[in-house]
Protein backbone atom coordinates (compact mmCIF):
# COMPACT_ATOMS: atom_id res chain seq x y z
CA UNK A 1 -0.04 -0.02 0.08
CA UNK A 2 2.05 2.97 -1.31
CA UNK A 3 1.86 6.20 0.46
CA UNK A 4 1.35 7.91 -2.77
CA UNK A 5 -1.55 5.69 -3.89
CA UNK A 6 -5.33 6.62 -3.76
CA UNK A 7 -5.80 3.48 -1.80
CA UNK A 8 -3.67 4.73 1.04
CA UNK A 9 -5.69 8.12 1.02
CA UNK A 10 -8.98 5.98 1.36
CA UNK A 11 -7.53 3.79 4.05
CA UNK A 12 -6.13 6.82 6.06
CA UNK A 13 -9.40 8.84 5.80
CA UNK A 14 -11.42 5.85 7.07
CA UNK A 15 -8.91 4.92 9.82
CA UNK A 16 -8.93 8.47 11.07
CA UNK A 17 -12.60 8.73 11.18
CA UNK A 18 -13.16 5.61 13.28
CA UNK A 19 -10.10 6.52 15.45
CA UNK A 20 -11.39 9.81 16.57
CA UNK A 21 -14.86 8.42 17.22
CA UNK A 22 -13.24 5.86 19.80
CA UNK A 23 -10.23 7.82 21.06
CA UNK A 24 -11.71 8.09 24.58
CA UNK A 25 -12.20 4.31 24.88
CA UNK A 26 -8.53 3.36 25.47
CA UNK A 27 -8.63 -0.43 24.79
CA UNK A 28 -10.81 0.06 21.79
CA UNK A 29 -8.47 2.86 20.48
CA UNK A 30 -5.27 0.75 20.69
CA UNK A 31 -6.93 -2.39 19.52
CA UNK A 32 -8.43 -0.84 16.48
CA UNK A 33 -5.20 1.00 15.49
CA UNK A 34 -3.28 -2.30 15.97
CA UNK A 35 -5.65 -4.32 13.84
CA UNK A 36 -5.62 -1.49 11.20
CA UNK A 37 -1.85 -1.50 11.20
CA UNK A 38 -1.73 -5.18 10.74
CA UNK A 39 -4.32 -4.89 7.91
CA UNK A 40 -2.27 -2.37 6.22
CA UNK A 41 0.82 -4.62 6.42
CA UNK A 42 -0.89 -7.71 5.22
CA UNK A 43 -2.29 -5.79 2.18
CA UNK A 44 1.19 -4.55 1.34
CA UNK A 45 2.85 -7.81 1.57
CA UNK A 46 0.17 -9.57 -0.31
CA UNK A 47 0.31 -7.06 -3.03
CA UNK A 48 4.26 -7.29 -3.41
CA UNK A 49 4.00 -11.16 -3.34
CA UNK A 50 1.60 -11.14 -6.27
CA UNK A 51 4.18 -9.10 -8.25
CA UNK A 52 7.19 -11.30 -7.45
CA UNK A 53 8.51 -13.64 -10.05
CA UNK A 54 10.49 -15.64 -7.47
CA UNK A 55 10.13 -15.83 -3.75
CA UNK A 56 9.32 -18.51 -1.18
CA UNK A 57 7.38 -21.61 -2.61
CA UNK A 58 3.92 -20.48 -1.25
CA UNK A 59 1.03 -18.35 -2.33
CA UNK A 60 0.37 -14.68 -1.54
CA UNK A 61 -2.06 -15.44 1.18
CA UNK A 62 0.43 -17.75 2.95
CA UNK A 63 3.28 -15.44 2.43
CA UNK A 64 1.40 -12.37 3.84
CA UNK A 65 0.32 -14.50 6.93
CA UNK A 66 3.87 -15.48 7.57
CA UNK A 67 5.14 -11.86 7.37
CA UNK A 68 2.41 -10.80 9.78
CA UNK A 69 3.23 -13.66 11.98
CA UNK A 70 6.98 -12.64 12.21
CA UNK A 71 5.86 -9.12 13.59
CA UNK A 72 3.17 -10.58 15.88
CA UNK A 73 5.46 -13.31 17.33
CA UNK A 74 8.43 -11.08 17.72
CA UNK A 75 6.39 -8.17 19.35
CA UNK A 76 4.84 -10.66 21.75
CA UNK A 77 8.05 -12.42 22.58
CA UNK A 78 9.88 -9.12 23.36
CA UNK A 79 7.10 -7.81 25.46
CA UNK A 80 7.23 -10.81 27.92
CA UNK A 81 10.97 -10.82 27.72
CA UNK A 82 10.83 -7.12 28.83
CA UNK A 83 8.51 -8.08 31.63
CA UNK A 84 11.02 -10.92 32.74
CA UNK A 85 13.92 -8.60 32.41
CA UNK A 86 12.13 -6.25 34.87
CA UNK A 87 11.85 -8.81 37.47
CA UNK A 88 15.06 -10.80 36.79
CA UNK A 89 18.09 -9.84 38.90
CA UNK A 90 20.64 -12.47 37.91
CA UNK A 91 23.15 -11.14 35.40
CA UNK A 92 23.34 -14.55 33.61
CA UNK A 93 19.53 -14.83 33.37
CA UNK A 94 19.24 -11.35 32.05
CA UNK A 95 21.92 -11.94 29.45
CA UNK A 96 19.99 -15.11 28.43
CA UNK A 97 16.78 -13.33 27.97
CA UNK A 98 18.38 -10.54 26.02
CA UNK A 99 20.14 -13.14 23.82
CA UNK A 100 16.86 -14.84 22.97
CA UNK A 101 15.24 -11.59 21.78
CA UNK A 102 18.54 -10.74 19.62
CA UNK A 103 18.68 -14.23 18.27
CA UNK A 104 15.12 -14.23 17.11
CA UNK A 105 15.26 -10.87 15.20
CA UNK A 106 18.85 -11.24 13.77
CA UNK A 107 17.99 -14.71 12.79
CA UNK A 108 14.84 -13.65 11.04
CA UNK A 109 16.70 -10.76 9.42
CA UNK A 110 19.59 -12.80 8.40
CA UNK A 111 17.47 -15.50 6.88
CA UNK A 112 15.24 -13.42 4.70
CA UNK A 113 17.76 -10.61 3.87
CA UNK A 114 20.97 -12.35 3.38
CA UNK A 115 20.00 -16.03 2.35
CA UNK A 116 20.08 -15.28 -1.41
CA UNK A 117 23.25 -13.16 -0.98
CA UNK A 118 24.94 -15.81 0.89
CA UNK A 119 23.97 -18.70 -1.43
CA UNK A 120 24.97 -16.63 -4.60
CA UNK A 121 28.29 -15.68 -2.99
CA UNK A 122 29.05 -19.37 -2.05
CA UNK A 123 28.29 -20.57 -5.59
CA UNK A 124 30.62 -17.86 -6.97
CA UNK A 125 33.29 -18.67 -4.53
CA UNK A 126 33.25 -22.44 -5.43
CA UNK A 127 33.20 -21.42 -9.25
CA UNK A 128 36.26 -19.36 -8.78
CA UNK A 129 38.03 -22.34 -6.86
CA UNK A 130 36.94 -24.60 -9.88
CA UNK A 131 34.27 -26.56 -7.90
CA UNK A 132 31.01 -27.10 -9.52
CA UNK A 133 28.03 -26.51 -7.14
CA UNK A 134 24.50 -26.30 -8.32
CA UNK A 135 22.72 -23.06 -7.43
CA UNK A 136 19.61 -23.21 -5.20
CA UNK A 137 16.26 -22.54 -6.84
CA UNK A 138 14.81 -21.11 -3.64
CA UNK A 139 14.83 -17.23 -3.62
CA UNK A 140 13.49 -15.68 -0.45
CA UNK A 141 11.46 -12.33 -0.79
CA UNK A 142 12.28 -9.58 1.79
CA UNK A 143 9.37 -8.84 3.98
CA UNK A 144 8.33 -5.19 3.95
CA UNK A 145 10.07 -3.12 6.67
CA UNK A 146 11.83 -5.92 8.35
CA UNK A 147 15.04 -3.87 8.77
CA UNK A 148 13.11 -1.06 10.46
CA UNK A 149 10.73 -2.98 13.06
CA UNK A 150 13.71 -5.41 13.90
CA UNK A 151 15.84 -2.30 15.01
CA UNK A 152 13.02 -0.95 16.96
CA UNK A 153 12.21 -4.08 18.85
CA UNK A 154 15.80 -4.64 19.56
CA UNK A 155 16.20 -1.27 20.98
CA UNK A 156 13.40 -1.91 23.45
CA UNK A 157 14.96 -5.01 24.96
CA UNK A 158 18.46 -3.70 24.97
CA UNK A 159 17.21 -0.36 26.81
CA UNK A 160 15.33 -2.48 29.25
CA UNK A 161 18.20 -4.87 29.79
CA UNK A 162 20.34 -1.77 30.41
CA UNK A 163 17.83 -0.51 32.86
CA UNK A 164 17.57 2.68 30.82
CA UNK A 165 13.70 1.86 30.30
CA UNK A 166 10.88 0.56 32.32
CA UNK A 167 9.25 -2.48 30.75
CA UNK A 168 5.93 -1.83 29.05
CA UNK A 169 3.08 -2.78 31.20
CA UNK A 170 0.36 -2.94 28.35
CA UNK A 171 0.70 -5.68 25.87
CA UNK A 172 -1.52 -3.93 23.17
CA UNK A 173 0.45 -0.63 23.54
CA UNK A 174 3.72 -2.64 22.83
CA UNK A 175 2.14 -4.31 19.84
CA UNK A 176 1.07 -1.04 18.39
CA UNK A 177 4.40 0.68 18.97
CA UNK A 178 6.01 -1.90 16.67
CA UNK A 179 3.29 -2.06 13.88
CA UNK A 180 1.91 1.44 13.80
CA UNK A 181 1.41 1.90 10.22
CA UNK A 182 3.02 5.37 9.41
CA UNK A 183 6.53 4.14 10.43
CA UNK A 184 6.18 0.32 9.82
CA UNK A 185 7.63 -0.13 6.43
CA UNK A 186 10.28 2.53 5.92
CA UNK A 187 10.69 4.34 9.36
CA UNK A 188 11.82 6.50 10.85
CA UNK A 189 13.09 4.02 13.31
CA UNK A 190 11.15 4.99 16.50
CA UNK A 191 12.62 4.47 19.80
CA UNK A 192 10.25 2.95 22.62
CA UNK A 193 10.66 6.07 24.95
CA UNK A 194 9.54 8.25 21.91
CA UNK A 195 6.31 6.42 21.29
CA UNK A 196 5.09 4.21 24.29
CA UNK A 197 4.46 7.21 26.69
CA UNK A 198 2.22 8.85 23.87
CA UNK A 199 0.29 5.63 23.50
CA UNK A 200 -0.58 5.72 27.11
CA UNK A 201 -2.18 9.01 27.00
CA UNK A 202 -5.61 9.82 25.42
CA UNK A 203 -4.96 11.71 22.16
CA UNK A 204 -6.46 15.23 21.93
CA UNK A 205 -7.84 16.68 18.64
CA UNK A 206 -5.90 19.68 17.92
CA UNK A 207 -6.75 21.64 14.70
CA UNK A 208 -3.15 23.02 14.48
CA UNK A 209 -1.67 19.59 14.70
CA UNK A 210 -4.14 18.39 12.12
CA UNK A 211 -3.34 21.35 9.70
CA UNK A 212 0.41 20.59 10.35
CA UNK A 213 0.06 17.02 9.41
CA UNK A 214 -1.82 17.81 6.24
CA UNK A 215 0.97 20.20 5.30
CA UNK A 216 3.69 17.47 5.92
CA UNK A 217 1.80 14.94 3.80
CA UNK A 218 1.41 17.53 0.89
CA UNK A 219 5.11 18.27 1.18
CA UNK A 220 6.05 14.69 1.20
CA UNK A 221 4.02 13.98 -1.94
CA UNK A 222 5.55 16.83 -3.80
CA UNK A 223 8.89 15.63 -2.91
CA UNK A 224 8.22 12.05 -3.86
CA UNK A 225 6.30 12.62 -7.14
CA UNK A 226 7.28 16.08 -8.43
CA UNK A 227 11.01 15.70 -7.65
CA UNK A 228 11.87 12.23 -6.91
CA UNK A 229 9.78 10.54 -9.62
CA UNK A 230 10.45 13.00 -12.15
CA UNK A 231 14.10 12.88 -11.94
CA UNK A 232 13.97 9.02 -11.75
CA UNK A 233 11.68 8.30 -14.79
CA UNK A 234 13.25 10.99 -16.99
CA UNK A 235 17.01 10.71 -16.25
CA UNK A 236 18.15 8.54 -13.46
CA UNK A 237 16.89 5.14 -14.47
CA UNK A 238 17.74 5.66 -18.19
CA UNK A 239 21.42 6.55 -17.45
CA UNK A 240 21.86 3.92 -14.61
CA UNK A 241 20.37 1.33 -16.78
CA UNK A 242 22.57 2.01 -19.76
CA UNK A 243 25.32 4.27 -18.91
CA UNK A 244 27.31 3.38 -22.24
CA UNK A 245 24.64 5.20 -24.17
CA UNK A 246 25.30 8.63 -22.47
CA UNK A 247 28.01 11.30 -22.47
CA UNK A 248 30.17 11.99 -19.36
CA UNK A 249 28.18 15.25 -18.58
CA UNK A 250 24.88 13.40 -18.78
CA UNK A 251 26.14 10.55 -16.41
CA UNK A 252 27.35 13.16 -13.99
CA UNK A 253 24.25 14.97 -14.00
CA UNK A 254 22.33 11.79 -13.60
CA UNK A 255 24.39 11.10 -10.38
CA UNK A 256 23.54 14.41 -9.05
CA UNK A 257 19.85 13.69 -9.89
CA UNK A 258 20.12 10.35 -8.18
CA UNK A 259 21.25 12.20 -4.95
CA UNK A 260 18.24 14.49 -4.91
CA UNK A 261 15.89 11.69 -6.15
CA UNK A 262 16.96 9.51 -3.12
CA UNK A 263 16.61 12.47 -0.79
CA UNK A 264 13.23 13.56 -2.14
CA UNK A 265 11.96 9.99 -2.10
CA UNK A 266 13.11 9.08 1.29
CA UNK A 267 12.44 12.44 3.21
CA UNK A 268 9.28 12.70 1.33
CA UNK A 269 8.11 9.29 2.69
CA UNK A 270 9.32 10.40 6.17
CA UNK A 271 7.15 13.67 5.68
CA UNK A 272 4.17 11.55 4.91
CA UNK A 273 4.89 9.22 7.80
CA UNK A 274 5.19 12.14 10.31
CA UNK A 275 2.16 13.92 8.75
CA UNK A 276 -0.06 10.76 9.04
CA UNK A 277 0.99 10.09 12.58
CA UNK A 278 0.35 13.71 13.55
CA UNK A 279 -3.35 13.40 12.25
CA UNK A 280 -3.76 10.73 15.06
CA UNK A 281 -2.26 13.01 17.62
CA UNK A 282 1.17 11.23 17.79
CA UNK A 283 4.74 12.77 17.03
CA UNK A 284 7.46 10.70 15.20
CA UNK A 285 11.04 11.85 15.34
CA UNK A 286 12.72 13.96 12.68
CA UNK A 287 14.77 11.97 10.20
CA UNK A 288 16.22 14.58 7.76
CA UNK A 289 17.80 17.94 8.00
CA UNK A 290 19.16 19.23 4.74
CA UNK A 291 22.00 16.76 4.54
CA UNK A 292 23.72 17.87 1.50
CA UNK A 293 24.78 21.19 3.16
CA UNK A 294 26.93 19.18 5.54
CA UNK A 295 30.63 20.46 5.70
CA UNK A 296 31.94 17.05 6.59
CA UNK A 297 30.76 13.42 6.44
CA UNK A 298 30.25 13.34 10.31
CA UNK A 299 27.83 16.21 10.08
CA UNK A 300 26.24 14.59 6.94
CA UNK A 301 25.26 11.53 9.11
CA UNK A 302 23.91 13.82 11.74
CA UNK A 303 21.44 15.07 9.10
CA UNK A 304 20.85 12.06 6.82
CA UNK A 305 18.61 9.20 8.02
CA UNK A 306 18.86 10.45 11.65
CA UNK A 307 16.92 7.70 13.15
CA UNK A 308 19.36 4.93 11.74
CA UNK A 309 22.65 6.92 12.36
CA UNK A 310 21.60 7.53 15.97
CA UNK A 311 20.69 3.74 16.39
CA UNK A 312 24.00 2.63 14.95
CA UNK A 313 25.74 5.11 17.26
CA UNK A 314 23.88 3.92 20.35
CA UNK A 315 23.54 0.18 19.79
CA UNK A 316 26.81 -0.60 17.74
CA UNK A 317 29.38 2.19 17.79
CA UNK A 318 29.31 2.83 21.57
CA UNK A 319 29.05 -0.90 22.49
CA UNK A 320 32.17 -1.49 20.36
CA UNK A 321 33.97 1.10 22.47
CA UNK A 322 33.22 4.22 20.63
CA UNK A 323 35.86 6.75 20.99
CA UNK A 324 36.87 5.75 24.51
CA UNK A 325 39.96 3.50 23.87
CA UNK A 326 42.26 5.43 21.80
CA UNK A 327 42.40 6.84 18.31
CA UNK A 328 42.94 3.64 16.26
CA UNK A 329 40.26 1.83 17.94
CA UNK A 330 38.02 4.69 17.40
CA UNK A 331 38.80 4.40 13.43
CA UNK A 332 38.22 0.69 13.72
CA UNK A 333 34.84 1.16 15.43
CA UNK A 334 33.79 3.91 12.82
CA UNK A 335 34.75 1.62 9.99
CA UNK A 336 32.96 -1.50 11.45
CA UNK A 337 29.77 0.47 12.16
CA UNK A 338 29.51 1.86 8.77
CA UNK A 339 30.29 -1.46 7.08
CA UNK A 340 27.60 -3.25 8.90
CA UNK A 341 25.36 -0.13 8.26
CA UNK A 342 25.92 -0.65 4.60
CA UNK A 343 25.12 -4.41 4.80
CA UNK A 344 21.96 -3.37 6.74
CA UNK A 345 20.79 -1.56 3.63
CA UNK A 346 20.93 -4.74 1.52
CA UNK A 347 22.59 -7.99 0.84
CA UNK A 348 25.01 -6.97 -1.93
CA UNK A 349 28.69 -6.32 -2.28
CA UNK A 350 27.87 -2.83 -3.56
CA UNK A 351 26.23 -2.05 -0.04
CA UNK A 352 29.38 -3.28 1.55
CA UNK A 353 31.49 -1.23 -0.65
CA UNK A 354 29.25 1.80 0.01
CA UNK A 355 29.43 1.26 3.85
CA UNK A 356 33.31 0.71 3.74
CA UNK A 357 33.72 4.05 1.71
CA UNK A 358 31.80 5.92 4.33
CA UNK A 359 33.69 4.23 7.15
CA UNK A 360 37.06 5.07 5.76
CA UNK A 361 35.86 8.77 5.17
CA UNK A 362 34.60 8.89 8.57
CA UNK A 363 37.83 7.63 10.08
CA UNK A 364 39.64 10.23 7.90
CA UNK A 365 37.37 13.04 9.10
CA UNK A 366 38.11 12.19 12.67
CA UNK A 367 41.86 12.17 11.90
CA UNK A 368 41.68 15.61 10.33
CA UNK A 369 39.65 16.85 13.32
CA UNK A 370 42.23 15.75 15.83
CA UNK A 371 45.11 17.16 13.73
CA UNK A 372 46.75 20.55 14.31
CA UNK A 373 45.24 21.92 11.07
CA UNK A 374 41.64 20.61 11.82
CA UNK A 375 41.66 22.06 15.32
CA UNK A 376 42.87 25.43 13.96
CA UNK A 377 40.46 25.48 10.95
CA UNK A 378 38.19 28.51 10.67
CA UNK A 379 34.53 28.10 11.44
CA UNK A 380 33.27 30.82 9.29
CA UNK A 381 30.52 30.20 6.62
CA UNK A 382 32.90 31.17 3.81
CA UNK A 383 35.48 28.65 5.03
CA UNK A 384 32.87 25.79 4.84
CA UNK A 385 31.71 26.22 1.41
CA UNK A 386 34.72 24.24 -0.16
CA UNK A 387 34.46 21.39 2.43
CA UNK A 388 30.62 21.26 2.06
CA UNK A 389 31.19 21.02 -1.79
CA UNK A 390 33.81 18.30 -1.35
CA UNK A 391 31.62 16.28 1.05
CA UNK A 392 28.67 16.44 -1.39
CA UNK A 393 30.66 15.15 -4.18
CA UNK A 394 32.20 12.40 -2.10
CA UNK A 395 28.60 11.36 -1.02
CA UNK A 396 27.55 11.30 -4.67
CA UNK A 397 30.43 9.15 -5.56
CA UNK A 398 29.41 6.74 -2.91
CA UNK A 399 25.66 6.76 -4.13
CA UNK A 400 27.00 5.43 -7.37
CA UNK A 401 27.74 2.03 -5.54
CA UNK A 402 24.51 2.46 -3.75
CA UNK A 403 22.35 2.67 -6.79
CA UNK A 404 24.38 0.47 -9.33
CA UNK A 405 23.22 -3.07 -9.49
CA UNK A 406 26.81 -4.43 -9.56
CA UNK A 407 30.47 -3.37 -8.89
CA UNK A 408 31.05 -3.79 -12.62
CA UNK A 409 28.14 -1.40 -13.55
CA UNK A 410 29.42 1.16 -10.90
CA UNK A 411 32.87 1.15 -12.48
CA UNK A 412 31.21 1.54 -15.88
CA UNK A 413 29.48 4.69 -14.64
CA UNK A 414 32.78 6.03 -13.25
CA UNK A 415 34.50 5.14 -16.59
CA UNK A 416 31.81 7.10 -18.67
CA UNK A 417 32.33 10.18 -16.29
CA UNK A 418 36.09 9.90 -16.73
CA UNK A 419 35.90 10.00 -20.55
CA UNK A 420 35.23 13.75 -20.23
CA UNK A 421 32.60 14.05 -23.14
CA UNK A 422 30.30 17.11 -22.83
CA UNK A 423 27.44 16.58 -25.36
CA UNK A 424 24.00 16.71 -23.56
CA UNK A 425 21.11 15.96 -26.07
CA UNK A 426 19.46 13.78 -23.30
CA UNK A 427 19.34 16.55 -20.63
CA UNK A 428 15.61 17.87 -21.09
CA UNK A 429 15.04 21.45 -19.74
CA UNK A 430 12.25 20.50 -17.59
CA UNK A 431 14.43 17.72 -15.73
CA UNK A 432 17.17 20.34 -15.38
CA UNK A 433 14.69 22.80 -13.94
CA UNK A 434 13.37 20.36 -11.33
CA UNK A 435 17.08 19.30 -10.32
CA UNK A 436 17.93 22.94 -10.01
CA UNK A 437 14.90 23.77 -7.98
CA UNK A 438 15.48 20.79 -5.73
CA UNK A 439 19.03 21.99 -5.16
CA UNK A 440 17.85 25.52 -4.39
CA UNK A 441 15.24 24.37 -1.94
CA UNK A 442 17.67 22.09 -0.21
CA UNK A 443 20.12 24.99 0.62
CA UNK A 444 17.29 27.27 1.45
CA UNK A 445 17.31 28.03 5.24
CA UNK A 446 15.11 25.61 7.26
CA UNK A 447 13.21 28.56 8.75
CA UNK A 448 11.67 29.29 5.29
CA UNK A 449 9.80 26.03 5.28
CA UNK A 450 8.79 26.48 8.95
CA UNK A 451 7.31 30.04 8.00
CA UNK A 452 5.43 28.40 5.11
CA UNK A 453 4.01 25.74 7.54
CA UNK A 454 3.08 28.35 10.09
CA UNK A 455 1.41 30.41 7.40
CA UNK A 456 -0.62 27.35 6.29
CA UNK A 457 -1.67 26.44 9.81
CA UNK A 458 -2.97 29.95 10.58
CA UNK A 459 -5.14 29.99 7.50
CA UNK A 460 -8.89 29.24 7.62
CA UNK A 461 -9.96 25.80 6.59
CA UNK A 462 -11.24 26.88 3.31
CA UNK A 463 -7.97 28.50 2.33
CA UNK A 464 -6.27 25.39 3.50
CA UNK A 465 -8.50 23.46 1.17
CA UNK A 466 -7.81 25.50 -1.74
CA UNK A 467 -3.97 25.37 -1.20
CA UNK A 468 -4.26 21.65 -0.94
CA UNK A 469 -6.35 21.35 -4.03
CA UNK A 470 -3.70 23.26 -6.03
CA UNK A 471 -0.96 21.10 -4.86
CA UNK A 472 -3.06 18.13 -5.73
CA UNK A 473 -3.44 19.48 -9.17
CA UNK A 474 0.36 19.98 -9.54
CA UNK A 475 1.09 16.39 -8.21
CA UNK A 476 -1.49 14.93 -10.58
CA UNK A 477 0.13 16.75 -13.63
CA UNK A 478 3.53 15.60 -12.58
CA UNK A 479 2.63 12.06 -11.86
CA UNK A 480 3.46 9.16 -14.22
CA UNK A 481 1.11 6.52 -15.40
CA UNK A 482 2.07 4.12 -12.66
CA UNK A 483 2.97 4.97 -8.98
CA UNK A 484 6.59 4.40 -8.23
CA UNK A 485 7.49 2.64 -4.99
CA UNK A 486 9.46 4.13 -2.31
CA UNK A 487 13.06 3.28 -2.59
CA UNK A 488 13.56 2.49 1.13
CA UNK A 489 10.60 0.23 1.26
CA UNK A 490 13.03 -2.49 -0.22
CA UNK A 491 15.16 -2.33 2.88
């Protein structure tokens, strides 16, 4: 069920109407939202299963039931493990309980996400050694959102184990925390301390919050359809599919376009998720903050996919030792964290390379910051322009490996850029205009968007409706014949 589909609009309106009618009945409210979220997920997995050529040897109904069972069983398991952790004092017993939770989720994640990758890599390795091994015909389809809800549930049991969080006392609240449909498929990765207290309270209907939610949904749809899909359909997909047909300039512009397509696509999804949650009276955490103006890679990761980068920091980088045990171990920990972060995005050597490139650059950034030159570097706006441009281009270089289907394809892209040809018959003016507009809006101060939001919220309902109608017409005019999926839904 795509956020940019009319079906989601009908689902959202119907769910909202029922929710606000029963909001004062706590048990009914939580049960209804939980069932609605399960229905949302079941429909999405069923729809994806019918479009898959391979996959598990079962029908769409059985596949959807299996995916839903993974969430339900895991959520139930973690709720009771959390309760037991709250009562268990034995260090050994507490570690055993935590291990059960981690093994369940990492086992499920590893099976569905990395089985195909491991099987293919094993066959390739045997072939390289001259050993003939028959490839398996079983291809596992990745359940929607598995990378996101596994991290959310793991953070709950780890926080309870660390005694940083009290165990949840309400079973249905915990089920809803995991499956709440706005963040279920592609985040943001919500921490239990951010959501569970909100679910315990009776939501209050607030017209400003409702208007702000509608603004975020409209903003997200504009990002996704007008910017992301336009760049993807008219430039990015064509160039990345067949880079040998395009000049160096066209390939380079396509890489820039992919950077803004990915940002518009993912941040647009987040905007819709935040706006949808806000319509129910709930607040989800911010996930993006103009990442391409970052003046070094460390700042980039403070601005890009914030919920993931903070999760990796708190549950991987710091447990590895963080920056507490000397410089070289700090660099090692940064590299391992980003390498695993790359592997989290997908079972492909390209994602491993992408993560390794970021890990090396983050270690290099830390070395520079600790050097005499880094400590004495000017902090003025002018002195940050060149580092920001350099950081943006390094991020774009890494995006090539993120987007390309294979390492050979990525090197082909880089080879085409290195040729230095400048003809550009395939760069349509409307596509360039969208790309320039996306770049300009990205560097526009955040306060500008906030002022627009405040202006919209303060307007009468009739004016808001007219504004949304104009936005809807713009989106309709820009939309393609078929709704494009959100990129991060595949993770």
